[in-house]
């Protein structure tokens, strides 16, 4: 049985522009496997909606009044509500990308993406994947290319060390008390920063750079 034949992916839309929310709802409502169950125009409303509705995915804007998307994402993840946050924003600068991923977002899409890419991104998140817009991915790679000293977040460092120990994502999540999907998001970001494509290369990088040393 497919997801569409079972339970649709329940989504809350968060954006401070009503026109964008309406456009996204029209796009998502045209599919059988995705259902829009709520809306919010800022991070504070997003938290209330997520706590009340418990969706599968939150499609989160970043630049909003009162509470921004990064802060809202961090709170949603910290409260362990079983909800995945997929960022959909106009910004592709490294500061916002890294802040969103570090807050616990599992994917990062841009608003100029093709509509089908947005739909595919939501579906990818529901499968436990971490979709990253190509331009955002290039930005992450550029951080590595522009500096000999890779700047990893504390959580990315912890995850990479456990990858070197041979732990699977589920085991890493249990060790760090985070979800498996959050582990995948940190790995996506870390792999881009250090310029590797898989876990084996990441483990070798950790070994060569002394990251495994306490």
N, C-alpha and C. Protein backbone atom coordinates (compact mmCIF):
# COMPACT_ATOMS: atom_id res chain seq x y z
N UNK A 1 0.84 -1.20 0.00
CA UNK A 1 0.00 0.00 0.00
C UNK A 1 0.88 1.25 0.00
N UNK A 2 0.58 2.22 -0.87
CA UNK A 2 1.36 3.44 -0.94
C UNK A 2 0.91 4.41 0.14
N UNK A 3 1.72 5.47 0.32
CA UNK A 3 1.38 6.47 1.33
C UNK A 3 0.04 7.13 0.99
N UNK A 4 -0.19 7.40 -0.34
CA UNK A 4 -1.43 8.05 -0.75
C UNK A 4 -2.63 7.19 -0.43
N UNK A 5 -2.47 5.87 -0.52
CA UNK A 5 -3.56 4.95 -0.24
C UNK A 5 -3.76 4.80 1.27
N UNK A 6 -2.77 5.16 2.03
CA UNK A 6 -2.87 5.04 3.48
C UNK A 6 -3.21 6.41 4.07
N UNK A 7 -2.24 7.07 4.67
CA UNK A 7 -2.47 8.36 5.31
C UNK A 7 -1.67 9.45 4.60
N UNK A 8 -2.32 10.52 4.17
CA UNK A 8 -1.59 11.61 3.52
C UNK A 8 -0.57 12.24 4.48
N UNK A 9 0.44 12.84 3.91
CA UNK A 9 1.45 13.57 4.70
C UNK A 9 0.79 14.85 5.18
N UNK A 10 0.69 15.02 6.48
CA UNK A 10 0.01 16.19 7.05
C UNK A 10 1.01 17.33 7.22
N UNK A 11 0.67 18.47 6.64
CA UNK A 11 1.61 19.60 6.56
C UNK A 11 1.00 20.86 7.18
N UNK A 12 1.82 21.59 7.92
CA UNK A 12 1.47 22.94 8.38
C UNK A 12 2.33 23.93 7.60
N UNK A 13 1.70 24.95 7.02
CA UNK A 13 2.40 25.97 6.24
C UNK A 13 2.68 27.18 7.12
N UNK A 14 3.94 27.63 7.11
CA UNK A 14 4.32 28.78 7.93
C UNK A 14 5.00 29.82 7.05
N UNK A 15 4.34 30.97 6.85
CA UNK A 15 4.90 32.06 6.05
C UNK A 15 4.14 33.32 6.40
N UNK A 16 4.83 34.45 6.49
CA UNK A 16 4.16 35.68 6.87
C UNK A 16 3.43 36.36 5.72
N UNK A 17 3.52 35.83 4.52
CA UNK A 17 2.83 36.39 3.37
C UNK A 17 1.62 35.53 3.02
N UNK A 18 0.43 36.11 3.10
CA UNK A 18 -0.79 35.36 2.85
C UNK A 18 -0.86 34.83 1.42
N UNK A 19 -0.34 35.60 0.47
CA UNK A 19 -0.37 35.17 -0.92
C UNK A 19 0.46 33.89 -1.11
N UNK A 20 1.61 33.83 -0.45
CA UNK A 20 2.47 32.65 -0.56
C UNK A 20 1.80 31.45 0.10
N UNK A 21 1.20 31.66 1.27
CA UNK A 21 0.50 30.56 1.94
C UNK A 21 -0.62 30.02 1.05
N UNK A 22 -1.36 30.93 0.43
CA UNK A 22 -2.47 30.51 -0.43
C UNK A 22 -1.95 29.74 -1.65
N UNK A 23 -0.86 30.23 -2.22
CA UNK A 23 -0.29 29.54 -3.37
C UNK A 23 0.22 28.15 -3.02
N UNK A 24 0.86 28.05 -1.87
CA UNK A 24 1.37 26.75 -1.44
C UNK A 24 0.22 25.79 -1.14
N UNK A 25 -0.83 26.30 -0.51
CA UNK A 25 -1.97 25.42 -0.21
C UNK A 25 -2.60 24.91 -1.50
N UNK A 26 -2.72 25.79 -2.49
CA UNK A 26 -3.28 25.36 -3.77
C UNK A 26 -2.41 24.28 -4.41
N UNK A 27 -1.09 24.47 -4.34
CA UNK A 27 -0.16 23.49 -4.90
C UNK A 27 -0.28 22.15 -4.19
N UNK A 28 -0.23 22.18 -2.87
CA UNK A 28 -0.24 20.94 -2.09
C UNK A 28 -1.60 20.25 -2.14
N UNK A 29 -2.66 21.02 -2.23
CA UNK A 29 -4.00 20.43 -2.24
C UNK A 29 -4.30 19.71 -3.54
N UNK A 30 -3.47 19.94 -4.55
CA UNK A 30 -3.67 19.25 -5.82
C UNK A 30 -3.08 17.86 -5.85
N UNK A 31 -2.55 17.41 -4.73
CA UNK A 31 -1.96 16.06 -4.66
C UNK A 31 -2.78 15.19 -3.73
N UNK A 32 -2.73 13.89 -3.98
CA UNK A 32 -3.51 12.96 -3.16
C UNK A 32 -2.78 12.54 -1.89
N UNK A 33 -1.45 12.70 -1.88
CA UNK A 33 -0.67 12.18 -0.76
C UNK A 33 -0.21 13.24 0.21
N UNK A 34 -0.64 14.49 0.02
CA UNK A 34 -0.26 15.58 0.93
C UNK A 34 -1.53 16.33 1.33
N UNK A 35 -1.64 16.63 2.62
CA UNK A 35 -2.81 17.34 3.14
C UNK A 35 -2.36 18.52 4.00
N UNK A 36 -2.83 19.72 3.68
CA UNK A 36 -2.54 20.90 4.49
C UNK A 36 -3.52 20.93 5.65
N UNK A 37 -2.99 20.86 6.87
CA UNK A 37 -3.86 20.80 8.05
C UNK A 37 -3.84 22.08 8.88
N UNK A 38 -2.93 23.02 8.54
CA UNK A 38 -2.87 24.26 9.30
C UNK A 38 -1.97 25.29 8.67
N UNK A 39 -2.13 26.54 9.14
CA UNK A 39 -1.33 27.65 8.65
C UNK A 39 -0.83 28.47 9.82
N UNK A 40 0.24 29.23 9.58
CA UNK A 40 0.74 30.17 10.58
C UNK A 40 1.49 31.27 9.85
N UNK A 41 1.45 32.48 10.40
CA UNK A 41 2.12 33.60 9.74
C UNK A 41 3.36 34.07 10.50
N UNK A 42 3.70 33.39 11.58
CA UNK A 42 4.96 33.66 12.27
C UNK A 42 5.32 32.46 13.13
N UNK A 43 6.50 32.52 13.71
CA UNK A 43 6.99 31.38 14.47
C UNK A 43 6.16 31.06 15.70
N UNK A 44 5.62 32.08 16.35
CA UNK A 44 4.81 31.85 17.54
C UNK A 44 3.54 31.08 17.18
N UNK A 45 2.89 31.49 16.10
CA UNK A 45 1.70 30.77 15.64
C UNK A 45 2.05 29.36 15.18
N UNK A 46 3.23 29.23 14.59
CA UNK A 46 3.67 27.91 14.13
C UNK A 46 3.79 26.94 15.30
N UNK A 47 4.36 27.40 16.40
CA UNK A 47 4.51 26.54 17.58
C UNK A 47 3.14 26.11 18.11
N UNK A 48 2.20 27.06 18.16
CA UNK A 48 0.86 26.73 18.64
C UNK A 48 0.19 25.71 17.72
N UNK A 49 0.35 25.91 16.41
CA UNK A 49 -0.27 25.00 15.44
C UNK A 49 0.33 23.60 15.51
N UNK A 50 1.65 23.55 15.65
CA UNK A 50 2.33 22.25 15.70
C UNK A 50 1.95 21.48 16.96
N UNK A 51 1.92 22.18 18.07
CA UNK A 51 1.55 21.53 19.33
C UNK A 51 0.12 21.01 19.29
N UNK A 52 -0.76 21.74 18.62
CA UNK A 52 -2.18 21.37 18.58
C UNK A 52 -2.47 20.32 17.53
N UNK A 53 -1.83 20.44 16.35
CA UNK A 53 -2.19 19.60 15.21
C UNK A 53 -1.28 18.38 15.02
N UNK A 54 -0.05 18.47 15.55
CA UNK A 54 0.94 17.40 15.38
C UNK A 54 1.03 16.92 13.93
N UNK A 55 1.43 17.80 13.02
CA UNK A 55 1.57 17.40 11.61
C UNK A 55 2.79 16.51 11.43
N UNK A 56 2.95 16.01 10.23
CA UNK A 56 4.16 15.23 9.90
C UNK A 56 5.31 16.16 9.53
N UNK A 57 4.97 17.22 8.78
CA UNK A 57 5.99 18.14 8.26
C UNK A 57 5.52 19.58 8.45
N UNK A 58 6.46 20.45 8.82
CA UNK A 58 6.21 21.89 8.84
C UNK A 58 7.03 22.51 7.72
N UNK A 59 6.34 23.21 6.81
CA UNK A 59 7.03 23.93 5.75
C UNK A 59 7.27 25.34 6.27
N UNK A 60 8.52 25.63 6.65
CA UNK A 60 8.85 26.78 7.48
C UNK A 60 9.61 27.88 6.73
N UNK A 61 9.03 29.09 6.74
CA UNK A 61 9.76 30.27 6.28
C UNK A 61 10.74 30.68 7.38
N UNK A 62 11.73 31.48 7.03
CA UNK A 62 12.71 31.89 8.03
C UNK A 62 12.51 33.31 8.54
N UNK A 63 12.36 34.27 7.63
CA UNK A 63 12.27 35.68 8.01
C UNK A 63 10.81 36.02 8.29
N UNK A 64 10.45 36.10 9.58
CA UNK A 64 9.07 36.40 9.98
C UNK A 64 9.07 37.27 11.22
N UNK A 65 7.97 38.02 11.45
CA UNK A 65 7.90 38.86 12.65
C UNK A 65 7.69 38.04 13.92
N UNK A 66 7.93 38.67 15.03
CA UNK A 66 7.75 38.10 16.38
C UNK A 66 8.75 36.97 16.65
N UNK A 67 8.50 35.80 16.13
CA UNK A 67 9.42 34.66 16.29
C UNK A 67 9.82 34.18 14.91
N UNK A 68 11.12 34.17 14.62
CA UNK A 68 11.55 33.77 13.28
C UNK A 68 11.56 32.25 13.13
N UNK A 69 11.81 31.82 11.90
CA UNK A 69 11.74 30.40 11.60
C UNK A 69 12.81 29.57 12.28
N UNK A 70 14.00 30.12 12.45
CA UNK A 70 15.07 29.38 13.11
C UNK A 70 14.72 29.12 14.58
N UNK A 71 14.24 30.15 15.26
CA UNK A 71 13.87 29.99 16.67
C UNK A 71 12.72 29.00 16.82
N UNK A 72 11.72 29.13 15.92
CA UNK A 72 10.58 28.21 15.98
C UNK A 72 11.02 26.77 15.73
N UNK A 73 11.91 26.59 14.77
CA UNK A 73 12.43 25.25 14.47
C UNK A 73 13.15 24.66 15.67
N UNK A 74 13.98 25.47 16.30
CA UNK A 74 14.74 24.99 17.46
C UNK A 74 13.80 24.53 18.58
N UNK A 75 12.73 25.27 18.80
CA UNK A 75 11.78 24.90 19.85
C UNK A 75 11.01 23.64 19.49
N UNK A 76 10.57 23.54 18.24
CA UNK A 76 9.84 22.35 17.79
C UNK A 76 10.69 21.10 17.97
N UNK A 77 11.96 21.20 17.57
CA UNK A 77 12.86 20.05 17.70
C UNK A 77 13.12 19.73 19.18
N UNK A 78 13.33 20.76 19.97
CA UNK A 78 13.63 20.56 21.39
C UNK A 78 12.46 19.91 22.13
N UNK A 79 11.25 20.21 21.71
CA UNK A 79 10.08 19.65 22.38
C UNK A 79 9.75 18.22 21.94
N UNK A 80 10.50 17.72 20.95
CA UNK A 80 10.34 16.34 20.49
C UNK A 80 8.88 16.01 20.18
N UNK A 81 8.33 16.80 19.28
CA UNK A 81 6.93 16.65 18.93
C UNK A 81 6.70 15.66 17.79
N UNK A 82 7.77 15.04 17.33
CA UNK A 82 7.64 14.07 16.25
C UNK A 82 7.33 14.73 14.92
N UNK A 83 7.76 15.97 14.76
CA UNK A 83 7.48 16.75 13.55
C UNK A 83 8.80 17.11 12.87
N UNK A 84 8.84 16.98 11.56
CA UNK A 84 10.03 17.36 10.80
C UNK A 84 9.83 18.74 10.19
N UNK A 85 10.88 19.56 10.26
CA UNK A 85 10.82 20.91 9.72
C UNK A 85 11.58 20.98 8.40
N UNK A 86 10.87 21.40 7.36
CA UNK A 86 11.48 21.63 6.04
C UNK A 86 11.43 23.12 5.76
N UNK A 87 12.59 23.73 5.64
CA UNK A 87 12.65 25.17 5.40
C UNK A 87 12.31 25.47 3.94
N UNK A 88 11.50 26.51 3.74
CA UNK A 88 11.22 27.03 2.40
C UNK A 88 11.37 28.54 2.49
N UNK A 89 12.44 29.07 1.92
CA UNK A 89 12.78 30.47 2.11
C UNK A 89 13.36 31.08 0.83
N UNK A 90 13.53 32.39 0.85
CA UNK A 90 14.15 33.09 -0.28
C UNK A 90 15.66 33.22 -0.09
N UNK A 91 16.14 32.90 1.09
CA UNK A 91 17.54 33.18 1.44
C UNK A 91 18.44 31.96 1.24
N UNK A 92 19.55 32.18 0.56
CA UNK A 92 20.51 31.09 0.33
C UNK A 92 21.89 31.42 0.86
N UNK A 93 21.98 32.39 1.79
CA UNK A 93 23.28 32.74 2.38
C UNK A 93 23.66 31.70 3.43
N UNK A 94 24.95 31.55 3.61
CA UNK A 94 25.47 30.49 4.49
C UNK A 94 25.01 30.65 5.92
N UNK A 95 24.89 31.89 6.40
CA UNK A 95 24.52 32.11 7.80
C UNK A 95 23.14 31.53 8.10
N UNK A 96 22.18 31.82 7.22
CA UNK A 96 20.82 31.32 7.46
C UNK A 96 20.73 29.80 7.25
N UNK A 97 21.43 29.30 6.23
CA UNK A 97 21.39 27.85 5.98
C UNK A 97 21.92 27.09 7.19
N UNK A 98 23.08 27.51 7.66
CA UNK A 98 23.70 26.81 8.79
C UNK A 98 22.87 26.97 10.06
N UNK A 99 22.29 28.15 10.25
CA UNK A 99 21.47 28.37 11.45
C UNK A 99 20.25 27.46 11.44
N UNK A 100 19.62 27.32 10.28
CA UNK A 100 18.42 26.47 10.17
C UNK A 100 18.76 25.01 10.39
N UNK A 101 19.82 24.54 9.76
CA UNK A 101 20.21 23.14 9.93
C UNK A 101 20.66 22.85 11.35
N UNK A 102 21.37 23.79 11.94
CA UNK A 102 21.82 23.59 13.32
C UNK A 102 20.64 23.59 14.29
N UNK A 103 19.58 24.33 13.93
CA UNK A 103 18.38 24.35 14.79
C UNK A 103 17.62 23.04 14.71
N UNK A 104 17.90 22.24 13.66
CA UNK A 104 17.24 20.94 13.56
C UNK A 104 16.39 20.74 12.33
N UNK A 105 16.38 21.73 11.41
CA UNK A 105 15.65 21.54 10.16
C UNK A 105 16.26 20.36 9.40
N UNK A 106 15.41 19.55 8.77
CA UNK A 106 15.90 18.35 8.08
C UNK A 106 16.06 18.58 6.59
N UNK A 107 15.69 19.77 6.11
CA UNK A 107 15.86 20.08 4.70
C UNK A 107 15.79 21.58 4.47
N UNK A 108 16.26 22.02 3.30
CA UNK A 108 16.34 23.46 3.02
C UNK A 108 16.05 23.69 1.55
N UNK A 109 14.87 24.26 1.26
CA UNK A 109 14.47 24.56 -0.11
C UNK A 109 14.33 26.06 -0.29
N UNK A 110 14.44 26.50 -1.55
CA UNK A 110 14.30 27.92 -1.87
C UNK A 110 12.99 28.16 -2.61
N UNK A 111 12.45 29.36 -2.43
CA UNK A 111 11.14 29.66 -2.99
C UNK A 111 11.12 29.76 -4.51
N UNK A 112 12.30 29.88 -5.13
CA UNK A 112 12.31 29.90 -6.59
C UNK A 112 12.44 28.49 -7.17
N UNK A 113 12.31 27.49 -6.32
CA UNK A 113 12.37 26.10 -6.80
C UNK A 113 11.14 25.79 -7.65
N UNK A 114 11.27 24.80 -8.49
CA UNK A 114 10.14 24.33 -9.27
C UNK A 114 9.08 23.78 -8.32
N UNK A 115 7.79 24.01 -8.59
CA UNK A 115 6.74 23.49 -7.70
C UNK A 115 6.86 22.00 -7.43
N UNK A 116 7.24 21.23 -8.45
CA UNK A 116 7.40 19.79 -8.24
C UNK A 116 8.52 19.48 -7.24
N UNK A 117 9.53 20.35 -7.20
CA UNK A 117 10.63 20.14 -6.25
C UNK A 117 10.15 20.33 -4.81
N UNK A 118 9.21 21.25 -4.63
CA UNK A 118 8.65 21.46 -3.29
C UNK A 118 7.86 20.22 -2.86
N UNK A 119 7.03 19.71 -3.77
CA UNK A 119 6.27 18.50 -3.47
C UNK A 119 7.19 17.33 -3.20
N UNK A 120 8.21 17.18 -4.04
CA UNK A 120 9.16 16.08 -3.85
C UNK A 120 9.93 16.24 -2.54
N UNK A 121 10.21 17.50 -2.17
CA UNK A 121 10.92 17.74 -0.92
C UNK A 121 10.11 17.30 0.28
N UNK A 122 8.82 17.59 0.28
CA UNK A 122 7.95 17.16 1.38
C UNK A 122 7.91 15.64 1.45
N UNK A 123 7.78 15.01 0.28
CA UNK A 123 7.75 13.54 0.25
C UNK A 123 9.08 12.96 0.73
N UNK A 124 10.17 13.60 0.34
CA UNK A 124 11.49 13.12 0.75
C UNK A 124 11.64 13.18 2.27
N UNK A 125 11.19 14.27 2.87
CA UNK A 125 11.25 14.41 4.32
C UNK A 125 10.44 13.31 4.99
N UNK A 126 9.27 13.00 4.43
CA UNK A 126 8.43 11.96 5.03
C UNK A 126 9.07 10.59 4.94
N UNK A 127 10.01 10.42 3.99
CA UNK A 127 10.74 9.16 3.87
C UNK A 127 12.00 9.13 4.72
N UNK A 128 12.25 10.21 5.43
CA UNK A 128 13.44 10.26 6.27
C UNK A 128 14.65 10.84 5.58
N UNK A 129 14.46 11.48 4.42
CA UNK A 129 15.58 12.06 3.69
C UNK A 129 15.72 13.54 4.02
N UNK A 130 16.81 14.14 3.55
CA UNK A 130 17.10 15.55 3.84
C UNK A 130 17.34 16.32 2.55
N UNK A 131 16.27 16.81 1.91
CA UNK A 131 16.43 17.54 0.65
C UNK A 131 17.07 18.90 0.85
N UNK A 132 18.05 19.21 0.01
CA UNK A 132 18.73 20.50 0.04
C UNK A 132 18.71 21.08 -1.37
N UNK A 133 18.25 22.32 -1.50
CA UNK A 133 18.24 22.96 -2.81
C UNK A 133 19.67 23.03 -3.35
N UNK A 134 19.87 22.78 -4.65
CA UNK A 134 21.24 22.79 -5.20
C UNK A 134 22.03 24.05 -4.89
N UNK A 135 21.38 25.22 -4.92
CA UNK A 135 22.11 26.45 -4.64
C UNK A 135 22.53 26.52 -3.18
N UNK A 136 21.67 26.03 -2.29
CA UNK A 136 22.04 25.99 -0.87
C UNK A 136 23.18 25.00 -0.65
N UNK A 137 23.14 23.88 -1.36
CA UNK A 137 24.22 22.90 -1.25
C UNK A 137 25.54 23.49 -1.72
N UNK A 138 25.49 24.24 -2.81
CA UNK A 138 26.72 24.88 -3.32
C UNK A 138 27.26 25.89 -2.31
N UNK A 139 26.34 26.57 -1.63
CA UNK A 139 26.77 27.52 -0.60
C UNK A 139 27.51 26.80 0.52
N UNK A 140 26.97 25.65 0.94
CA UNK A 140 27.63 24.86 1.99
C UNK A 140 28.99 24.38 1.52
N UNK A 141 29.06 23.94 0.27
CA UNK A 141 30.35 23.50 -0.28
C UNK A 141 31.32 24.66 -0.37
N UNK A 142 30.80 25.84 -0.67
CA UNK A 142 31.66 27.02 -0.78
C UNK A 142 32.30 27.40 0.53
N UNK A 143 31.61 27.09 1.63
CA UNK A 143 32.20 27.35 2.95
C UNK A 143 33.48 26.54 3.11
N UNK A 144 33.41 25.32 2.65
CA UNK A 144 34.58 24.44 2.75
C UNK A 144 35.67 24.88 1.79
N UNK A 145 35.25 25.24 0.55
CA UNK A 145 36.23 25.63 -0.46
C UNK A 145 36.92 26.95 -0.12
N UNK A 146 36.21 27.81 0.60
CA UNK A 146 36.76 29.13 0.89
C UNK A 146 37.61 29.19 2.14
N UNK A 147 37.73 28.10 2.84
CA UNK A 147 38.51 28.11 4.08
C UNK A 147 39.17 26.77 4.30
N UNK A 148 40.42 26.82 4.72
CA UNK A 148 41.14 25.57 5.01
C UNK A 148 40.68 24.99 6.34
N UNK A 149 40.16 25.84 7.21
CA UNK A 149 39.70 25.38 8.50
C UNK A 149 38.19 25.21 8.47
N UNK A 150 37.74 23.99 8.49
CA UNK A 150 36.31 23.70 8.45
C UNK A 150 35.69 24.02 9.80
N UNK A 151 34.62 24.80 9.77
CA UNK A 151 33.93 25.16 10.99
C UNK A 151 32.69 24.29 11.15
N UNK A 152 32.76 23.33 12.04
CA UNK A 152 31.63 22.44 12.31
C UNK A 152 30.91 22.87 13.58
N UNK A 153 29.61 22.66 13.61
CA UNK A 153 28.89 22.92 14.85
C UNK A 153 29.22 21.82 15.85
N UNK A 154 28.91 22.08 17.11
CA UNK A 154 29.17 21.08 18.15
C UNK A 154 28.44 19.77 17.85
N UNK A 155 27.19 19.89 17.42
CA UNK A 155 26.41 18.69 17.14
C UNK A 155 26.97 17.92 15.94
N UNK A 156 27.38 18.64 14.90
CA UNK A 156 27.98 17.98 13.74
C UNK A 156 29.25 17.23 14.13
N UNK A 157 30.03 17.83 15.01
CA UNK A 157 31.25 17.18 15.48
C UNK A 157 30.92 15.89 16.22
N UNK A 158 29.91 15.96 17.09
CA UNK A 158 29.50 14.77 17.84
C UNK A 158 29.03 13.66 16.90
N UNK A 159 28.23 14.04 15.91
CA UNK A 159 27.70 13.05 14.96
C UNK A 159 28.83 12.42 14.16
N UNK A 160 29.78 13.22 13.68
CA UNK A 160 30.89 12.69 12.89
C UNK A 160 31.76 11.75 13.73
N UNK A 161 31.98 12.08 14.97
CA UNK A 161 32.77 11.20 15.83
C UNK A 161 32.11 9.83 15.98
N UNK A 162 30.78 9.84 16.09
CA UNK A 162 30.05 8.57 16.25
C UNK A 162 30.00 7.80 14.93
N UNK A 163 30.01 8.52 13.81
CA UNK A 163 30.12 7.84 12.51
C UNK A 163 31.45 7.11 12.43
N UNK A 164 32.50 7.76 12.91
CA UNK A 164 33.83 7.13 12.91
C UNK A 164 33.85 5.88 13.78
N UNK A 165 33.04 5.88 14.85
CA UNK A 165 32.96 4.70 15.73
C UNK A 165 32.14 3.57 15.10
N UNK A 166 31.53 3.88 13.94
CA UNK A 166 30.78 2.84 13.24
C UNK A 166 29.31 2.76 13.61
N UNK A 167 28.79 3.74 14.31
CA UNK A 167 27.40 3.71 14.72
C UNK A 167 26.48 4.08 13.56
N UNK A 168 25.33 3.42 13.48
CA UNK A 168 24.30 3.75 12.49
C UNK A 168 23.53 4.99 12.96
N UNK A 169 22.77 5.58 12.05
CA UNK A 169 22.04 6.80 12.39
C UNK A 169 21.11 6.61 13.59
N UNK A 170 20.43 5.47 13.64
CA UNK A 170 19.51 5.22 14.74
C UNK A 170 20.28 5.15 16.07
N UNK A 171 21.45 4.51 16.05
CA UNK A 171 22.27 4.42 17.26
C UNK A 171 22.79 5.78 17.68
N UNK A 172 23.18 6.58 16.68
CA UNK A 172 23.66 7.94 16.97
C UNK A 172 22.55 8.76 17.61
N UNK A 173 21.34 8.62 17.05
CA UNK A 173 20.20 9.34 17.61
C UNK A 173 19.95 8.98 19.06
N UNK A 174 20.04 7.69 19.37
CA UNK A 174 19.84 7.26 20.76
C UNK A 174 20.94 7.80 21.67
N UNK A 175 22.16 7.76 21.17
CA UNK A 175 23.29 8.24 21.98
C UNK A 175 23.17 9.74 22.30
N UNK A 176 22.72 10.52 21.29
CA UNK A 176 22.66 11.97 21.45
C UNK A 176 21.27 12.46 21.84
N UNK A 177 20.31 11.53 21.95
CA UNK A 177 18.94 11.86 22.32
C UNK A 177 18.30 12.81 21.31
N UNK A 178 18.49 12.51 20.02
CA UNK A 178 17.86 13.26 18.93
C UNK A 178 17.25 12.26 17.97
N UNK A 179 16.38 12.73 17.08
CA UNK A 179 15.73 11.82 16.16
C UNK A 179 16.69 11.37 15.06
N UNK A 180 16.36 10.23 14.44
CA UNK A 180 17.19 9.72 13.35
C UNK A 180 17.21 10.69 12.18
N UNK A 181 16.10 11.36 11.94
CA UNK A 181 16.06 12.33 10.84
C UNK A 181 16.91 13.55 11.13
N UNK A 182 16.98 13.94 12.39
CA UNK A 182 17.86 15.05 12.76
C UNK A 182 19.32 14.66 12.55
N UNK A 183 19.65 13.41 12.86
CA UNK A 183 21.00 12.91 12.60
C UNK A 183 21.32 13.03 11.11
N UNK A 184 20.37 12.62 10.26
CA UNK A 184 20.59 12.70 8.82
C UNK A 184 20.80 14.13 8.36
N UNK A 185 20.05 15.07 8.94
CA UNK A 185 20.21 16.47 8.57
C UNK A 185 21.60 16.99 8.94
N UNK A 186 22.07 16.62 10.14
CA UNK A 186 23.41 17.04 10.56
C UNK A 186 24.48 16.42 9.65
N UNK A 187 24.28 15.17 9.25
CA UNK A 187 25.24 14.52 8.36
C UNK A 187 25.26 15.20 6.99
N UNK A 188 24.09 15.55 6.48
CA UNK A 188 24.02 16.24 5.19
C UNK A 188 24.83 17.53 5.23
N UNK A 189 24.65 18.30 6.29
CA UNK A 189 25.37 19.55 6.45
C UNK A 189 26.87 19.31 6.64
N UNK A 190 27.21 18.35 7.50
CA UNK A 190 28.62 18.07 7.80
C UNK A 190 29.35 17.54 6.57
N UNK A 191 28.71 16.64 5.82
CA UNK A 191 29.35 16.11 4.61
C UNK A 191 29.66 17.23 3.64
N UNK A 192 28.72 18.17 3.48
CA UNK A 192 28.93 19.28 2.57
C UNK A 192 30.08 20.16 3.05
N UNK A 193 30.16 20.39 4.34
CA UNK A 193 31.21 21.27 4.89
C UNK A 193 32.60 20.67 4.73
N UNK A 194 32.72 19.37 4.95
CA UNK A 194 34.05 18.77 4.88
C UNK A 194 34.37 18.21 3.50
N UNK A 195 33.39 18.25 2.60
CA UNK A 195 33.64 17.86 1.22
C UNK A 195 33.74 16.37 0.99
N UNK A 196 32.86 15.59 1.64
CA UNK A 196 32.85 14.14 1.44
C UNK A 196 31.47 13.71 0.96
N UNK A 197 31.39 12.49 0.42
CA UNK A 197 30.14 12.03 -0.17
C UNK A 197 29.47 10.90 0.61
N UNK A 198 30.22 10.25 1.50
CA UNK A 198 29.62 9.13 2.21
C UNK A 198 30.25 8.95 3.59
N UNK A 199 29.75 7.97 4.33
CA UNK A 199 30.18 7.76 5.71
C UNK A 199 31.63 7.29 5.79
N UNK A 200 32.04 6.47 4.84
CA UNK A 200 33.42 5.98 4.84
C UNK A 200 34.40 7.14 4.70
N UNK A 201 34.12 8.03 3.73
CA UNK A 201 34.98 9.19 3.55
C UNK A 201 34.94 10.10 4.78
N UNK A 202 33.77 10.21 5.39
CA UNK A 202 33.65 11.05 6.58
C UNK A 202 34.49 10.48 7.73
N UNK A 203 34.44 9.16 7.91
CA UNK A 203 35.22 8.53 8.97
C UNK A 203 36.72 8.74 8.75
N UNK A 204 37.13 8.63 7.49
CA UNK A 204 38.55 8.87 7.17
C UNK A 204 38.93 10.32 7.44
N UNK A 205 38.03 11.24 7.10
CA UNK A 205 38.30 12.66 7.34
C UNK A 205 38.45 12.92 8.84
N UNK A 206 37.57 12.33 9.63
CA UNK A 206 37.65 12.49 11.08
C UNK A 206 38.99 11.99 11.60
N UNK A 207 39.41 10.83 11.10
CA UNK A 207 40.68 10.24 11.52
C UNK A 207 41.85 11.13 11.14
N UNK A 208 41.87 11.60 9.92
CA UNK A 208 42.99 12.41 9.42
C UNK A 208 43.09 13.76 10.08
N UNK A 209 41.94 14.28 10.49
CA UNK A 209 41.93 15.62 11.08
C UNK A 209 41.89 15.62 12.60
N UNK A 210 42.01 14.44 13.17
CA UNK A 210 42.10 14.35 14.62
C UNK A 210 40.81 14.69 15.36
N UNK A 211 39.69 14.62 14.65
CA UNK A 211 38.43 14.98 15.27
C UNK A 211 37.97 13.92 16.26
N UNK A 212 38.49 12.72 16.09
CA UNK A 212 38.09 11.64 16.99
C UNK A 212 38.79 11.68 18.32
N UNK A 213 39.78 12.56 18.45
CA UNK A 213 40.52 12.65 19.72
C UNK A 213 39.74 13.48 20.73
N UNK A 214 39.69 13.03 21.94
CA UNK A 214 39.01 13.76 23.01
C UNK A 214 39.90 14.89 23.50
